[in-house]
Protein backbone atom coordinates (compact mmCIF):
# COMPACT_ATOMS: atom_id res chain seq x y z
CA MET A 1 -12.40 53.51 28.28
CA PRO A 2 -9.33 53.31 30.64
CA PRO A 3 -6.21 55.21 29.55
CA ARG A 4 -3.47 53.21 27.82
CA LEU A 5 -0.38 52.65 29.95
CA THR A 6 2.97 53.31 28.34
CA ILE A 7 5.52 51.00 29.93
CA PRO A 8 9.13 52.11 29.43
CA ARG A 9 11.71 49.52 28.46
CA PHE A 10 14.99 49.14 30.31
CA SER A 11 16.51 46.56 27.94
CA SER A 12 19.40 48.89 27.14
CA LEU A 13 20.19 49.23 30.83
CA LEU A 14 19.82 45.54 31.71
CA ARG A 15 21.12 43.81 28.57
CA GLN A 16 24.80 43.14 28.02
CA SER A 17 26.64 44.59 25.08
CA HIS A 18 28.85 42.62 22.71
CA GLN A 19 31.97 43.99 24.43
CA GLN A 20 30.75 42.75 27.80
CA CYS A 21 30.04 39.28 26.35
CA ALA A 22 33.53 39.13 24.82
CA ALA A 23 35.05 40.29 28.09
CA SER A 24 33.14 37.64 30.02
CA ARG A 25 34.44 34.92 27.69
CA SER A 26 38.08 36.10 27.67
CA SER A 27 38.51 37.05 31.36
CA PRO A 28 35.96 35.53 33.74
CA SER A 29 37.03 37.65 36.70
CA ALA A 30 36.59 40.96 34.90
CA GLY A 31 33.27 39.84 33.45
CA GLU A 32 31.95 38.78 36.82
CA ASN A 33 33.00 42.11 38.36
CA ALA A 34 31.29 44.06 35.59
CA ILE A 35 28.13 41.97 35.87
CA ARG A 36 28.14 42.29 39.66
CA ALA A 37 28.45 46.07 39.39
CA LEU A 38 25.71 46.18 36.77
CA SER A 39 23.39 44.07 38.90
CA THR A 40 24.07 46.31 41.94
CA ILE A 41 23.25 49.45 39.98
CA THR A 42 20.17 47.80 38.58
CA MET A 43 18.88 46.71 41.96
CA ARG A 44 19.42 50.21 43.38
CA ASN A 45 17.54 51.76 40.50
CA ALA A 46 14.88 49.09 40.74
CA GLY A 47 13.94 50.13 44.26
CA ASP A 48 13.40 53.71 43.16
CA ILE A 49 11.35 52.59 40.16
CA LEU A 50 9.15 50.36 42.27
CA LEU A 51 8.54 53.20 44.74
CA ARG A 52 7.75 55.69 42.04
CA ARG A 53 5.69 53.48 39.69
CA PRO A 54 4.11 50.46 41.29
CA GLY A 55 3.20 47.49 39.06
CA PHE A 56 6.36 47.71 36.93
CA ALA A 57 8.54 44.60 36.52
CA VAL A 58 12.27 44.84 37.02
CA LEU A 59 14.62 42.54 35.07
CA ALA A 60 18.20 42.00 36.21
CA TYR A 61 20.81 39.96 34.38
CA ARG A 62 22.67 37.52 36.61
CA PRO A 63 25.51 35.33 35.38
CA ARG A 64 25.48 31.55 35.68
CA ALA A 65 26.93 30.75 39.08
CA SER A 66 29.51 28.05 39.56
CA SER A 67 28.93 25.04 41.80
CA SER A 68 30.73 26.57 44.78
CA ARG A 69 28.86 29.90 44.49
CA LEU A 70 25.57 28.05 43.98
CA VAL A 71 26.14 26.00 47.11
CA SER A 72 27.10 29.05 49.18
CA SER A 73 24.09 31.01 47.96
CA LYS A 74 21.80 28.13 48.87
CA GLY A 75 23.37 27.99 52.31
CA ASP A 76 22.94 31.73 52.80
CA ALA A 77 19.36 31.49 51.68
CA GLY A 78 18.78 28.78 54.24
CA VAL A 79 20.34 30.92 56.94
CA GLY A 80 18.25 33.93 55.97
CA ALA A 81 15.06 31.92 55.91
CA GLY A 82 15.83 30.41 59.27
CA GLY A 83 16.64 33.81 60.79
CA LYS A 84 13.41 35.33 59.63
CA GLY A 85 11.24 32.41 60.60
CA LYS A 86 12.54 31.06 63.86
CA GLY A 87 15.45 33.24 65.02
CA LYS A 88 18.54 31.39 66.16
CA GLY A 89 17.00 28.00 65.77
CA GLY A 90 16.13 28.89 62.19
CA LYS A 91 19.72 29.87 61.51
CA GLY A 92 20.89 26.48 62.67
CA GLU A 93 18.39 24.77 60.39
CA GLY A 94 19.51 26.95 57.47
CA LYS A 95 23.14 26.03 58.10
CA GLY A 96 22.22 22.36 58.29
CA ARG A 97 20.47 22.55 54.91
CA GLY A 98 23.46 24.35 53.41
CA GLU A 99 25.78 21.60 54.64
CA GLU A 100 23.50 18.94 53.15
CA VAL A 101 23.59 20.70 49.77
CA VAL A 102 27.40 20.89 49.98
CA GLU A 103 27.60 17.17 50.66
CA ARG A 104 25.27 16.39 47.74
CA GLN A 105 27.31 18.55 45.38
CA GLU A 106 30.59 17.03 46.54
CA SER A 107 29.41 13.44 46.37
CA GLY A 108 27.51 13.89 43.07
CA SER A 109 25.49 10.72 43.73
CA GLU A 110 22.15 12.33 42.92
CA LEU A 111 21.47 13.96 39.59
CA GLY A 112 19.20 16.94 39.09
CA SER A 113 15.60 16.43 38.09
CA VAL A 114 14.25 17.00 34.63
CA SER A 115 12.89 20.43 35.53
CA GLU A 116 16.28 21.55 36.87
CA GLU A 117 18.00 20.35 33.71
CA ALA A 118 15.45 22.21 31.59
CA ALA A 119 15.99 25.35 33.66
CA GLU A 120 19.76 25.13 33.15
CA MET A 121 19.28 24.65 29.41
CA ALA A 122 16.97 27.67 29.30
CA LYS A 123 19.60 29.77 31.06
CA ILE A 124 22.24 28.67 28.55
CA MET A 125 20.00 29.50 25.60
CA GLU A 126 19.05 32.87 27.15
CA ARG A 127 22.71 33.72 27.64
CA ARG A 128 23.50 32.86 24.01
CA THR A 129 20.60 34.93 22.73
CA GLU A 130 21.51 37.97 24.81
CA CYS A 131 25.11 37.79 23.68
CA GLY A 132 24.05 37.74 20.03
CA GLU A 133 24.93 34.08 19.44
CA VAL A 134 22.73 31.52 17.74
CA GLY A 135 22.55 27.96 18.94
CA GLY A 136 23.52 24.96 16.83
CA PRO A 137 21.10 23.13 14.52
CA GLU A 138 20.65 20.39 17.10
CA LEU A 139 19.17 22.92 19.56
CA LEU A 140 17.08 25.07 17.20
CA GLN A 141 15.70 23.02 14.32
CA GLY A 142 16.70 19.47 15.16
CA SER A 143 19.07 17.14 13.34
CA MET A 144 19.26 13.49 12.37
CA VAL A 145 20.76 11.23 15.00
CA GLY A 146 22.90 9.58 12.33
CA ASP A 147 24.47 12.88 11.32
CA ILE A 148 25.30 13.71 14.92
CA LEU A 149 26.86 10.29 15.50
CA LYS A 150 28.91 10.57 12.30
CA ARG A 151 30.42 13.82 13.55
CA ASP A 152 30.91 12.69 17.13
CA LYS A 153 33.00 9.50 17.27
CA GLU A 154 32.84 9.20 21.05
CA ALA A 155 29.04 9.33 21.01
CA LEU A 156 29.07 6.66 18.30
CA LYS A 157 31.04 4.33 20.54
CA ASN A 158 28.50 4.75 23.36
CA ALA A 159 25.47 4.54 21.02
CA PRO A 160 23.18 1.48 21.07
CA LYS A 161 24.17 -1.53 19.00
CA VAL A 162 21.16 -1.06 16.69
CA LEU A 163 22.24 2.45 15.68
CA GLN A 164 25.82 1.29 15.14
CA ASP A 165 24.66 -1.51 12.82
CA GLN A 166 22.39 0.84 10.87
CA LEU A 167 25.16 3.40 10.36
CA ALA A 168 27.60 0.68 9.31
CA GLY A 169 25.08 -0.75 6.81
CA SER A 170 24.24 2.65 5.35
CA SER A 171 27.91 3.53 4.94
CA SER A 172 28.67 0.22 3.20
CA SER A 173 25.66 0.52 0.85
CA SER A 174 26.51 4.12 -0.03
CA SER A 175 30.10 3.16 -0.80
CA SER A 176 29.10 0.15 -2.94
CA SER A 177 26.32 1.84 -4.95
CA PRO A 178 27.42 4.21 -7.73
CA SER A 179 26.75 7.92 -7.49
CA GLY A 180 23.42 9.06 -8.87
CA SER A 181 21.65 5.69 -8.48
CA ARG A 182 18.69 5.02 -6.25
CA SER A 183 18.93 2.65 -3.33
CA PHE A 184 15.39 1.40 -3.85
CA SER A 185 13.24 0.25 -6.73
CA THR A 186 9.63 -0.55 -7.42
CA SER A 187 8.42 -4.14 -7.44
CA ALA A 188 7.83 -4.15 -11.18
CA ARG A 189 11.32 -2.83 -11.90
CA LEU A 190 12.86 -5.32 -9.48
CA ARG A 191 11.04 -8.21 -11.14
CA GLN A 192 12.15 -7.01 -14.56
CA LEU A 193 15.77 -6.91 -13.44
CA LYS A 194 15.50 -10.43 -12.03
CA MET A 195 14.06 -11.71 -15.29
CA GLN A 196 16.90 -10.09 -17.22
CA GLU A 197 19.45 -11.72 -14.97
CA MET A 198 18.11 -15.21 -15.80
CA PRO A 199 17.71 -15.29 -19.62
CA SER A 200 18.97 -18.85 -19.96
CA ALA A 201 16.21 -20.35 -17.79
CA ALA A 202 13.49 -18.59 -19.81
CA GLU A 203 14.97 -19.73 -23.11
CA ASN A 204 15.38 -23.37 -22.06
CA ASP A 205 11.85 -23.71 -20.65
CA ALA A 206 9.56 -24.87 -23.45
CA SER A 207 6.35 -23.92 -21.64
CA ILE A 208 7.42 -20.27 -21.34
CA ALA A 209 8.23 -20.15 -25.03
CA VAL A 210 4.84 -21.63 -25.95
CA VAL A 211 2.94 -19.20 -23.75
CA ARG A 212 4.95 -16.31 -25.16
CA SER A 213 4.12 -17.41 -28.70
CA MET A 214 0.42 -17.49 -27.78
CA ILE A 215 0.33 -14.11 -26.06
CA ASN A 216 2.46 -12.12 -28.49
CA PRO A 217 0.06 -12.34 -31.46
CA ALA A 218 -2.79 -11.00 -29.31
CA THR A 219 -0.95 -8.22 -27.50
CA GLU A 220 1.95 -7.18 -29.71
CA GLU A 221 0.50 -7.74 -33.16
CA LYS A 222 1.56 -5.07 -35.60
CA PHE A 223 0.17 -4.38 -39.02
CA GLU A 224 2.42 -3.70 -41.94
CA GLN A 225 2.54 -0.13 -43.07
CA VAL A 226 0.67 0.53 -46.24
CA LYS A 227 2.68 2.67 -48.60
CA ARG A 228 0.58 4.66 -51.00
CA GLU A 229 1.76 6.72 -53.87
CA GLY A 230 1.44 10.45 -53.49
CA LEU A 231 1.87 10.49 -49.69
CA LYS A 232 4.74 12.51 -48.30
CA PHE A 233 4.92 10.51 -45.07
CA ASP A 234 4.17 6.90 -44.25
CA VAL A 235 0.71 5.88 -43.13
CA PRO A 236 0.55 5.58 -39.31
CA GLU A 237 0.21 2.16 -37.79
CA THR A 238 -3.28 0.96 -36.98
CA LEU A 239 -3.90 0.38 -33.30
CA PRO A 240 -4.66 -3.22 -32.34
CA ARG A 241 -8.01 -4.20 -30.93
CA SER A 242 -6.67 -4.40 -27.39
CA GLU A 243 -5.82 -0.68 -27.47
CA HIS A 244 -9.43 0.37 -28.07
CA LEU A 245 -11.25 1.50 -24.93
CA LYS A 246 -14.54 -0.27 -25.63
CA HIS A 247 -12.98 -3.39 -27.18
CA ARG A 248 -9.86 -3.84 -25.05
CA TYR A 249 -10.94 -7.27 -23.75
CA ASP A 250 -10.85 -10.55 -25.58
CA PRO A 251 -14.04 -11.05 -27.68
CA LEU A 252 -14.84 -14.40 -26.07
CA LEU A 253 -14.18 -13.01 -22.59
CA ASP A 254 -16.47 -10.07 -23.26
CA GLN A 255 -19.22 -12.33 -24.63
CA PHE A 256 -19.00 -14.72 -21.68
CA THR A 257 -19.17 -11.78 -19.23
CA LYS A 258 -22.23 -10.34 -20.96
CA MET A 259 -24.01 -13.72 -20.71
CA LEU A 260 -23.20 -13.90 -17.00
CA MET A 261 -24.65 -10.45 -16.40
CA ARG A 262 -28.04 -10.16 -14.69
CA HIS A 263 -30.20 -7.02 -14.38
CA GLY A 264 -27.60 -4.90 -16.19
CA LYS A 265 -24.97 -5.21 -13.42
CA LEU A 266 -21.87 -5.46 -15.57
CA SER A 267 -19.39 -4.80 -12.75
CA VAL A 268 -20.75 -7.76 -10.78
CA ALA A 269 -20.43 -9.99 -13.84
CA GLN A 270 -16.84 -8.83 -14.37
CA LYS A 271 -15.97 -9.76 -10.79
CA GLN A 272 -17.50 -13.20 -11.32
CA MET A 273 -15.51 -13.62 -14.54
CA ASP A 274 -12.34 -12.64 -12.73
CA ALA A 275 -13.03 -15.29 -10.09
CA ILE A 276 -13.63 -17.90 -12.81
CA LEU A 277 -10.29 -17.15 -14.46
CA HIS A 278 -8.55 -17.25 -11.08
CA HIS A 279 -10.06 -20.67 -10.40
CA LEU A 280 -8.90 -21.95 -13.79
CA ARG A 281 -5.41 -20.60 -13.14
CA SER A 282 -5.09 -22.11 -9.66
CA SER A 283 -6.75 -25.48 -10.34
CA PRO A 284 -4.66 -28.48 -11.50
CA ALA A 285 -4.28 -29.19 -15.19
CA PRO A 286 -7.13 -31.24 -16.71
CA ILE A 287 -6.77 -34.76 -18.09
CA PRO A 288 -8.38 -34.77 -21.57
CA ASN A 289 -10.56 -37.66 -22.71
CA PRO A 290 -9.62 -39.10 -26.13
CA SER A 291 -13.31 -39.72 -26.87
CA PHE A 292 -13.99 -35.98 -26.65
CA PRO A 293 -10.88 -34.34 -28.12
CA LEU A 294 -10.20 -30.63 -27.92
CA LEU A 295 -9.06 -28.40 -30.75
CA PRO A 296 -5.32 -28.30 -31.54
CA GLY A 297 -3.40 -26.23 -29.03
CA PRO A 298 -0.75 -26.42 -26.35
CA PRO A 299 -0.50 -29.44 -24.06
CA ALA A 300 -3.11 -29.79 -21.36
CA SER A 301 -0.45 -29.37 -18.68
CA GLN A 302 0.04 -25.76 -19.82
CA PHE A 303 -3.64 -24.76 -19.75
CA PRO A 304 -3.51 -23.12 -16.27
CA LEU A 305 -0.67 -20.86 -17.43
CA ASN A 306 -3.05 -18.98 -19.74
CA PRO A 307 -6.65 -19.18 -18.48
CA ILE A 308 -8.04 -17.11 -21.39
CA LEU A 309 -6.63 -19.56 -23.93
CA TYR A 310 -7.86 -22.39 -21.71
CA LEU A 311 -11.40 -20.99 -21.82
CA THR A 312 -11.23 -20.33 -25.57
CA LEU A 313 -10.15 -23.88 -26.42
CA VAL A 314 -12.84 -25.44 -24.24
CA ILE A 315 -15.70 -23.33 -25.63
CA ASP A 316 -14.62 -23.61 -29.27
CA SER A 317 -14.24 -27.38 -28.90
CA VAL A 318 -17.72 -27.98 -27.47
CA SER A 319 -19.54 -25.40 -29.61
CA PRO A 320 -21.82 -26.90 -32.33
CA LEU A 321 -21.27 -26.19 -36.01
CA LEU A 322 -24.95 -26.24 -36.99
CA ARG A 323 -28.39 -25.60 -35.65
CA ILE A 324 -31.73 -27.23 -36.52
CA LYS A 325 -34.53 -24.97 -37.75
CA GLN A 326 -38.07 -26.34 -38.01
CA GLN A 327 -39.56 -25.03 -41.25
CA PRO A 328 -43.38 -25.14 -40.92
CA GLY A 329 -45.36 -26.51 -43.91
CA ALA A 330 -42.26 -27.65 -45.74
CA ALA A 331 -43.15 -31.36 -45.43
CA GLY A 332 -46.74 -30.83 -46.67
CA GLY A 333 -49.98 -31.00 -44.78
CA GLY A 334 -48.82 -28.38 -42.29
CA ARG A 335 -45.97 -30.52 -41.02
CA SER A 336 -42.67 -28.85 -40.17
CA LEU A 337 -39.44 -29.99 -41.71
CA PRO A 338 -36.09 -29.87 -39.82
CA ILE A 339 -33.46 -28.02 -41.78
CA PRO A 340 -29.80 -27.70 -40.64
CA LEU A 341 -28.28 -24.23 -40.80
CA PRO A 342 -24.61 -23.27 -40.30
CA LEU A 343 -23.66 -20.97 -37.43
CA ALA A 344 -21.16 -18.14 -37.30
CA LEU A 345 -18.35 -18.03 -34.78
CA ARG A 346 -20.17 -15.79 -32.32
CA GLN A 347 -23.35 -17.90 -32.59
CA ARG A 348 -21.44 -21.14 -31.98
CA ARG A 349 -19.79 -19.70 -28.89
CA ARG A 350 -23.08 -18.38 -27.56
CA THR A 351 -24.64 -21.86 -27.77
CA ALA A 352 -21.67 -23.47 -25.99
CA ILE A 353 -21.68 -20.85 -23.21
CA LYS A 354 -25.42 -21.38 -22.71
CA TRP A 355 -24.91 -25.14 -22.36
CA ILE A 356 -22.11 -24.64 -19.83
CA LEU A 357 -24.15 -22.20 -17.72
CA ASP A 358 -27.18 -24.52 -17.75
CA ALA A 359 -25.07 -27.46 -16.63
CA SER A 360 -23.38 -25.41 -13.89
CA GLU A 361 -26.75 -24.60 -12.29
CA LYS A 362 -27.17 -28.29 -11.40
CA ARG A 363 -24.02 -28.32 -9.27
CA ARG A 364 -24.18 -28.01 -5.49
CA ASP A 365 -21.50 -25.38 -4.96
CA ALA A 366 -22.69 -22.11 -3.45
CA ALA A 367 -20.47 -19.74 -5.43
CA LEU A 368 -21.41 -19.08 -9.04
CA ALA A 369 -17.81 -18.66 -10.14
CA THR A 370 -16.82 -22.00 -8.63
CA ARG A 371 -19.70 -23.82 -10.34
CA VAL A 372 -18.91 -22.37 -13.76
CA ALA A 373 -15.17 -23.00 -13.41
CA GLN A 374 -15.72 -26.63 -12.40
CA GLU A 375 -18.06 -27.11 -15.35
CA ILE A 376 -15.41 -25.71 -17.73
CA ILE A 377 -12.87 -28.16 -16.29
CA ALA A 378 -15.41 -30.97 -16.73
CA VAL A 379 -15.81 -30.01 -20.40
CA ALA A 380 -12.03 -30.15 -20.84
CA GLU A 381 -11.98 -33.63 -19.29
CA GLY A 382 -14.97 -34.83 -21.36
CA LYS A 383 -17.30 -35.25 -18.35
CA SER A 384 -19.85 -32.51 -19.09
CA SER A 385 -23.33 -32.93 -20.52
CA ALA A 386 -22.51 -30.26 -23.12
CA TRP A 387 -20.74 -32.91 -25.19
CA GLU A 388 -23.94 -34.99 -25.34
CA LYS A 389 -25.97 -31.99 -26.51
CA ARG A 390 -23.40 -31.27 -29.19
CA GLY A 391 -23.52 -34.87 -30.40
CA ILE A 392 -27.33 -34.82 -30.59
CA VAL A 393 -27.37 -31.63 -32.66
CA HIS A 394 -24.78 -32.98 -35.08
CA LYS A 395 -26.68 -36.27 -35.50
CA GLN A 396 -29.93 -34.45 -36.25
CA ALA A 397 -28.17 -32.19 -38.74
CA THR A 398 -26.62 -35.18 -40.48
CA ALA A 399 -30.02 -36.90 -40.74
CA ALA A 400 -31.76 -33.75 -42.02
CA ARG A 401 -29.16 -32.72 -44.58
CA ALA A 402 -31.25 -34.30 -47.36
CA ASN A 403 -34.05 -31.83 -46.69
CA ILE A 404 -31.94 -29.01 -48.10
CA LYS A 405 -31.75 -30.62 -51.55
CA ALA A 406 -35.42 -31.67 -51.51
CA LEU A 407 -36.60 -28.10 -51.01
CA GLY A 408 -34.19 -26.74 -53.62
CA MET A 409 -32.87 -24.13 -51.19
CA LYS A 410 -30.40 -21.56 -52.45
CA GLY A 411 -27.72 -19.77 -50.57
CA ARG A 412 -29.50 -16.41 -50.70
CA LYS A 413 -32.62 -17.67 -48.96
CA LYS A 414 -32.62 -17.03 -45.21
CA PHE A 415 -34.70 -18.55 -42.48
């Protein structure tokens, strides 16, 4: 293993003290003399160090030269290079280059390249660090352009028009808005504020009031508190059906979705149901047929405003009230006897949904949601075959109602 080299540090010899930095700021001539003497001593010592210990690096602090000194040094360098390379001819070339540099510096037509500017900035930062100073926030950690332009009025005048407009807009908005308030808002909050600003339009519109009266009982229904004797505190309010996780949807909507489902894919059926409701909401209002009236409700022109109520009215209107059951052997001789039986609400809706789905399969549209939605609109306008099926069932039940009395059926007997 090679021995470890211990390299001595000469930072104390080469680095300026705080007194030297202060002297260089206050009196440039004294500072330059001190730095020149320090650099001379350093270069003398550096030759001895290089002769004694080869491989060591020597650092010497040199002050930032002015334009005149920089030009003269460049000219001298050109002379030296020419003297070493080509003798007298080289000296002439060096002098010519020095004169060209002087002319460039005096005219100032050409600016330094990016690398030269970066080198000058590095020298400035190195000088500040050696003198114990710390650069500004713009040089070390960065700062917003707007903050810099607010502090520097001259830079603001020369800034692009876009930045000037942005600063003017931000200053006007900050002065107009009260302290402690946000300058932005979410879309829901913004819509709520707009609705609060226009209360008169919502109150005068009859359709909005009707829809609100239909939605409030389903969503904001509250049960009266039951006060019992012996309880120290009141009984808590019962949560409505819509707050239950498994029963948060409308019963008819849930039943319709379950009948649309195939192979247990409930999520697919829910997407189809969403598309059906969207079609009902975006389609024009239906024109009801007086021959096939719907149940009492809002006007037909307001049906698209609430597609769930639209669907409920259509299905409840076309759903049959009875069903026909064939009782075998009731007529004698092994003949069956038709007997009408009443249906519950869920059974009536199931029959109506089945009729609508069967009729929608005969349509030519490719999308299932479009076919079902068009069939629901046809039921609302009295053009669907579900009305004919309902009429047939009711006629058969009316004709077979005498069979109930003939058999002496009682309410407790079930079929």
